[in-house]
Amino acid sequence: MLIINIDGASRGNPGLSGIGIEIIKENSKILEHREFVGYKTNNQAEYIALKKAMQIAFGLDDCITILSDSQLLVNQRTKRYKVRNKELSNIFREISNLEKHFRIVLYKHIPRSKNRNADLLANQAIDEHIKYERGNI
């Protein structure tokens, strides 16, 4: 079973956005990923983080637990809330297709304080993009 912490960050809503992913197996961190994802809303960034996490996890294990501090994402993925936003509904369907590649997919909402590393990675991705755009890298 993989434990996957995900986070999406947006500076402004919408604004410059990044994602952060931390994958843990048997109590050991096996992978970190951060990526600048463009000009998005915070909810879009959260969903992009989930999609990327599933793409990365495919082939590593067939059982995953997704930990997110986004109540909206967790409640939509567990069908407690409907997806009303058109852009989110497109990625929602893509994620549903990715879920089929796993035997078990669980979603759990966690407080932001328990998701610090994924949050840090998402914000680092934005910071690195800003530095690159300014020519500081």
C-alpha atoms as a PDB file:
ATOM      1  CA  MET A   1       0.000   0.000   0.000  1.00  0.00           C
ATOM      2  CA  LEU A   2       1.334   3.394  -1.006  1.00  0.00           C
ATOM      3  CA  ILE A   3       0.519   6.444   1.094  1.00  0.00           C
ATOM      4  CA  ILE A   4       0.426   9.499  -1.153  1.00  0.00           C
ATOM      5  CA  ASN A   5       0.296  13.052   0.197  1.00  0.00           C
ATOM      6  CA  ILE A   6      -0.793  15.545  -2.437  1.00  0.00           C
ATOM      7  CA  ASP A   7      -1.199  19.296  -2.521  1.00  0.00           C
ATOM      8  CA  GLY A   8      -1.935  22.012  -5.023  1.00  0.00           C
ATOM      9  CA  ALA A   9      -1.045  25.639  -4.408  1.00  0.00           C
ATOM     10  CA  SER A  10      -2.146  28.778  -6.208  1.00  0.00           C
ATOM     11  CA  ARG A  11      -0.839  32.312  -5.717  1.00  0.00           C
ATOM     12  CA  GLY A  12      -4.065  34.094  -6.399  1.00  0.00           C
ATOM     13  CA  ASN A  13      -7.165  32.185  -7.329  1.00  0.00           C
ATOM     14  CA  PRO A  14      -6.577  31.736 -10.200  1.00  0.00           C
ATOM     15  CA  GLY A  15      -2.859  32.397 -10.229  1.00  0.00           C
ATOM     16  CA  LEU A  16       0.552  30.823 -10.619  1.00  0.00           C
ATOM     17  CA  SER A  17       0.170  27.235  -9.425  1.00  0.00           C
ATOM     18  CA  GLY A  18       2.255  24.277  -8.383  1.00  0.00           C
ATOM     19  CA  ILE A  19       1.749  20.736  -7.176  1.00  0.00           C
ATOM     20  CA  GLY A  20       3.535  18.690  -4.548  1.00  0.00           C
ATOM     21  CA  ILE A  21       3.495  14.920  -4.131  1.00  0.00           C
ATOM     22  CA  GLU A  22       5.091  12.711  -1.494  1.00  0.00           C
ATOM     23  CA  ILE A  23       4.893   8.921  -1.820  1.00  0.00           C
ATOM     24  CA  ILE A  24       5.531   6.681   1.180  1.00  0.00           C
ATOM     25  CA  LYS A  25       5.788   2.891   1.244  1.00  0.00           C
ATOM     26  CA  GLU A  26       6.319   0.867   4.405  1.00  0.00           C
ATOM     27  CA  ASN A  27       6.981   4.037   6.434  1.00  0.00           C
ATOM     28  CA  SER A  28       9.763   5.206   4.093  1.00  0.00           C
ATOM     29  CA  LYS A  29       9.550   8.096   1.682  1.00  0.00           C
ATOM     30  CA  ILE A  30      10.263   6.690  -1.767  1.00  0.00           C
ATOM     31  CA  LEU A  31       9.521   9.694  -3.959  1.00  0.00           C
ATOM     32  CA  GLU A  32       8.903  13.432  -3.954  1.00  0.00           C
ATOM     33  CA  HIS A  33       7.648  15.391  -6.936  1.00  0.00           C
ATOM     34  CA  ARG A  34       7.033  19.086  -7.487  1.00  0.00           C
ATOM     35  CA  GLU A  35       5.891  20.766 -10.661  1.00  0.00           C
ATOM     36  CA  PHE A  36       4.761  24.171 -11.853  1.00  0.00           C
ATOM     37  CA  VAL A  37       1.377  23.714 -13.581  1.00  0.00           C
ATOM     38  CA  GLY A  38       0.634  27.181 -14.937  1.00  0.00           C
ATOM     39  CA  TYR A  39      -2.142  29.632 -14.184  1.00  0.00           C
ATOM     40  CA  LYS A  40      -4.840  27.664 -12.341  1.00  0.00           C
ATOM     41  CA  THR A  41      -7.327  27.867  -9.498  1.00  0.00           C
ATOM     42  CA  ASN A  42      -6.416  26.195  -6.234  1.00  0.00           C
ATOM     43  CA  ASN A  43      -8.990  23.444  -6.846  1.00  0.00           C
ATOM     44  CA  GLN A  44      -7.598  22.790 -10.324  1.00  0.00           C
ATOM     45  CA  ALA A  45      -4.093  22.510  -8.862  1.00  0.00           C
ATOM     46  CA  GLU A  46      -5.336  20.022  -6.247  1.00  0.00           C
ATOM     47  CA  TYR A  47      -6.878  17.854  -8.966  1.00  0.00           C
ATOM     48  CA  ILE A  48      -3.769  18.086 -11.160  1.00  0.00           C
ATOM     49  CA  ALA A  49      -1.718  16.924  -8.162  1.00  0.00           C
ATOM     50  CA  LEU A  50      -4.000  13.909  -7.751  1.00  0.00           C
ATOM     51  CA  LYS A  51      -3.819  13.018 -11.445  1.00  0.00           C
ATOM     52  CA  LYS A  52      -0.009  13.285 -11.503  1.00  0.00           C
ATOM     53  CA  ALA A  53       0.275  11.248  -8.288  1.00  0.00           C
ATOM     54  CA  MET A  54      -1.764   8.429  -9.827  1.00  0.00           C
ATOM     55  CA  GLN A  55       0.336   8.509 -12.982  1.00  0.00           C
ATOM     56  CA  ILE A  56       3.505   8.249 -10.903  1.00  0.00           C
ATOM     57  CA  ALA A  57       2.091   5.526  -8.613  1.00  0.00           C
ATOM     58  CA  PHE A  58       0.951   3.338 -11.509  1.00  0.00           C
ATOM     59  CA  GLY A  59       3.201   0.292 -11.520  1.00  0.00           C
ATOM     60  CA  LEU A  60       4.593   0.926  -8.035  1.00  0.00           C
ATOM     61  CA  ASP A  61       1.683  -0.693  -6.187  1.00  0.00           C
ATOM     62  CA  ASP A  62      -1.937  -1.562  -6.898  1.00  0.00           C
ATOM     63  CA  CYS A  63      -3.225  -0.187  -3.576  1.00  0.00           C
ATOM     64  CA  ILE A  64      -3.007   3.517  -2.777  1.00  0.00           C
ATOM     65  CA  THR A  65      -4.250   5.849  -0.082  1.00  0.00           C
ATOM     66  CA  ILE A  66      -4.491   9.490  -1.092  1.00  0.00           C
ATOM     67  CA  LEU A  67      -4.086  12.019   1.722  1.00  0.00           C
ATOM     68  CA  SER A  68      -5.194  15.560   0.929  1.00  0.00           C
ATOM     69  CA  ASP A  69      -6.002  18.696   2.877  1.00  0.00           C
ATOM     70  CA  SER A  70      -8.625  19.594   0.244  1.00  0.00           C
ATOM     71  CA  GLN A  71     -12.035  18.730   1.644  1.00  0.00           C
ATOM     72  CA  LEU A  72     -13.585  19.480  -1.728  1.00  0.00           C
ATOM     73  CA  LEU A  73     -11.363  16.997  -3.569  1.00  0.00           C
ATOM     74  CA  VAL A  74     -11.826  14.228  -1.001  1.00  0.00           C
ATOM     75  CA  ASN A  75     -15.592  14.732  -0.806  1.00  0.00           C
ATOM     76  CA  GLN A  76     -15.948  14.815  -4.584  1.00  0.00           C
ATOM     77  CA  ARG A  77     -13.799  11.719  -5.101  1.00  0.00           C
ATOM     78  CA  THR A  78     -15.806   9.840  -2.451  1.00  0.00           C
ATOM     79  CA  LYS A  79     -19.048  11.044  -4.066  1.00  0.00           C
ATOM     80  CA  ARG A  80     -20.226  13.074  -1.066  1.00  0.00           C
ATOM     81  CA  TYR A  81     -20.197  16.201  -3.252  1.00  0.00           C
ATOM     82  CA  LYS A  82     -21.042  16.547  -6.925  1.00  0.00           C
ATOM     83  CA  VAL A  83     -18.581  18.114  -9.334  1.00  0.00           C
ATOM     84  CA  ARG A  84     -20.241  21.207 -10.752  1.00  0.00           C
ATOM     85  CA  ASN A  85     -17.260  22.976 -12.331  1.00  0.00           C
ATOM     86  CA  LYS A  86     -16.747  22.009 -15.993  1.00  0.00           C
ATOM     87  CA  GLU A  87     -12.940  22.143 -15.884  1.00  0.00           C
ATOM     88  CA  LEU A  88     -12.868  20.016 -12.735  1.00  0.00           C
ATOM     89  CA  SER A  89     -15.357  17.541 -14.197  1.00  0.00           C
ATOM     90  CA  ASN A  90     -13.010  16.850 -17.130  1.00  0.00           C
ATOM     91  CA  ILE A  91     -10.071  16.012 -14.883  1.00  0.00           C
ATOM     92  CA  PHE A  92     -12.450  14.159 -12.523  1.00  0.00           C
ATOM     93  CA  ARG A  93     -13.246  11.762 -15.395  1.00  0.00           C
ATOM     94  CA  GLU A  94      -9.556  11.351 -16.232  1.00  0.00           C
ATOM     95  CA  ILE A  95      -8.852  10.439 -12.610  1.00  0.00           C
ATOM     96  CA  SER A  96     -11.752   7.969 -12.606  1.00  0.00           C
ATOM     97  CA  ASN A  97     -10.102   6.231 -15.556  1.00  0.00           C
ATOM     98  CA  LEU A  98      -6.739   6.182 -13.772  1.00  0.00           C
ATOM     99  CA  GLU A  99      -8.376   4.667 -10.671  1.00  0.00           C
ATOM    100  CA  LYS A 100      -9.263   1.586 -12.726  1.00  0.00           C
ATOM    101  CA  HIS A 101      -5.556   0.677 -12.837  1.00  0.00           C
ATOM    102  CA  PHE A 102      -5.509   0.186  -9.055  1.00  0.00           C
ATOM    103  CA  ARG A 103      -7.103  -2.556  -7.002  1.00  0.00           C
ATOM    104  CA  ILE A 104      -7.752  -0.225  -4.055  1.00  0.00           C
ATOM    105  CA  VAL A 105      -7.917   3.581  -3.976  1.00  0.00           C
ATOM    106  CA  LEU A 106      -8.775   5.233  -0.671  1.00  0.00           C
ATOM    107  CA  TYR A 107      -9.153   8.940   0.008  1.00  0.00           C
ATOM    108  CA  LYS A 108      -8.637  10.595   3.360  1.00  0.00           C
ATOM    109  CA  HIS A 109      -8.908  14.233   4.354  1.00  0.00           C
ATOM    110  CA  ILE A 110      -6.080  15.395   6.602  1.00  0.00           C
ATOM    111  CA  PRO A 111      -5.456  18.750   8.272  1.00  0.00           C
ATOM    112  CA  ARG A 112      -3.072  21.097   6.503  1.00  0.00           C
ATOM    113  CA  SER A 113      -0.627  20.699   9.382  1.00  0.00           C
ATOM    114  CA  LYS A 114      -0.258  17.005   8.456  1.00  0.00           C
ATOM    115  CA  ASN A 115       0.400  17.830   4.798  1.00  0.00           C
ATOM    116  CA  ARG A 116       3.320  20.212   5.218  1.00  0.00           C
ATOM    117  CA  ASN A 117       5.809  18.480   2.921  1.00  0.00           C
ATOM    118  CA  ALA A 118       3.449  18.270  -0.063  1.00  0.00           C
ATOM    119  CA  ASP A 119       2.515  21.927   0.535  1.00  0.00           C
ATOM    120  CA  LEU A 120       6.192  22.895   0.685  1.00  0.00           C
ATOM    121  CA  LEU A 121       6.875  21.057  -2.592  1.00  0.00           C
ATOM    122  CA  ALA A 122       3.948  22.764  -4.342  1.00  0.00           C
ATOM    123  CA  ASN A 123       5.126  26.187  -3.213  1.00  0.00           C
ATOM    124  CA  GLN A 124       8.740  25.404  -4.152  1.00  0.00           C
ATOM    125  CA  ALA A 125       7.549  24.641  -7.683  1.00  0.00           C
ATOM    126  CA  ILE A 126       5.965  28.100  -7.912  1.00  0.00           C
ATOM    127  CA  ASP A 127       9.027  29.800  -6.395  1.00  0.00           C
ATOM    128  CA  GLU A 128      11.360  28.003  -8.827  1.00  0.00           C
ATOM    129  CA  HIS A 129       9.199  29.085 -11.763  1.00  0.00           C
ATOM    130  CA  ILE A 130       9.241  32.709 -10.616  1.00  0.00           C
ATOM    131  CA  LYS A 131      13.045  32.634 -10.220  1.00  0.00           C
ATOM    132  CA  TYR A 132      13.416  31.058 -13.655  1.00  0.00           C
ATOM    133  CA  GLU A 133      11.156  33.673 -15.257  1.00  0.00           C
ATOM    134  CA  ARG A 134      13.212  36.432 -13.658  1.00  0.00           C
ATOM    135  CA  GLY A 135      16.413  34.816 -14.908  1.00  0.00           C
ATOM    136  CA  ASN A 136      17.714  34.040 -11.422  1.00  0.00           C
ATOM    137  CA  ILE A 137      18.421  30.368 -12.076  1.00  0.00           C
END
